[in-house]
Amino acid sequence: MIQRKVCLIGDFAVGKTSLFHRFVYNRFSEGYLSTIGVMIQRKVVQVESRTVSLVLWDMQGNQDSTHIKEHYVRGASGAIIVCDLTRLITILHCEGYMNVLRQINQDMCLMIAANKLDLTRPDHEHLTLVQQIATQMKLPITLTSARNAEGVEDLFSQMGAALLSKVKT
């Protein structure tokens, strides 16, 4: 089994901690409590016949990508850039996060979690925009809802698969 550090990164109140709690503990809380610093937890993911231990770093929210604490990200093999589908600015910040993360480690597996899907309509313009941005940045995207668990297992399974694909056999 391999072990890899994965950071959850994004603006304040996009649902990083909610995704973290839904995946690790299968819990969701309606209350908002800002993360101070970082929370770390380990969870094993099965990808086909292989396993990967994800060491998840739930990092405090930022105002934008210029506020990433590099020492938290150092050593990460992957990062999930989380945006809030109900707040356009958080979607627009995705590219900035990607650029900063690529400067820290250009080989890092990156993906976008477009969260709060339960609060949007299927024809919502933000859905189209975030998918266009992900395509432009050449990053995989998963639509998620930490509240109802939609896409959450998928998100972390995809990250596990991406990390395993980089392992030399």
Foldseek 3Di string as FASTA:
>chain_A
DEEFEEEEAFAAPLCLVLLVCCVPVVDGDPDDDFDDAWDWDWDWDDAPPDIYIYTYIYGTHDHALVPDDLVVLARGQEYEYEGELVDLVRLVRVVSNVVVSCVRPVNHQYAYEHEPPVVDDPPDPSVVVSVVVCVVVVHHYFYAYSVVGPRSSVVVNVNVVVSVVPDDD
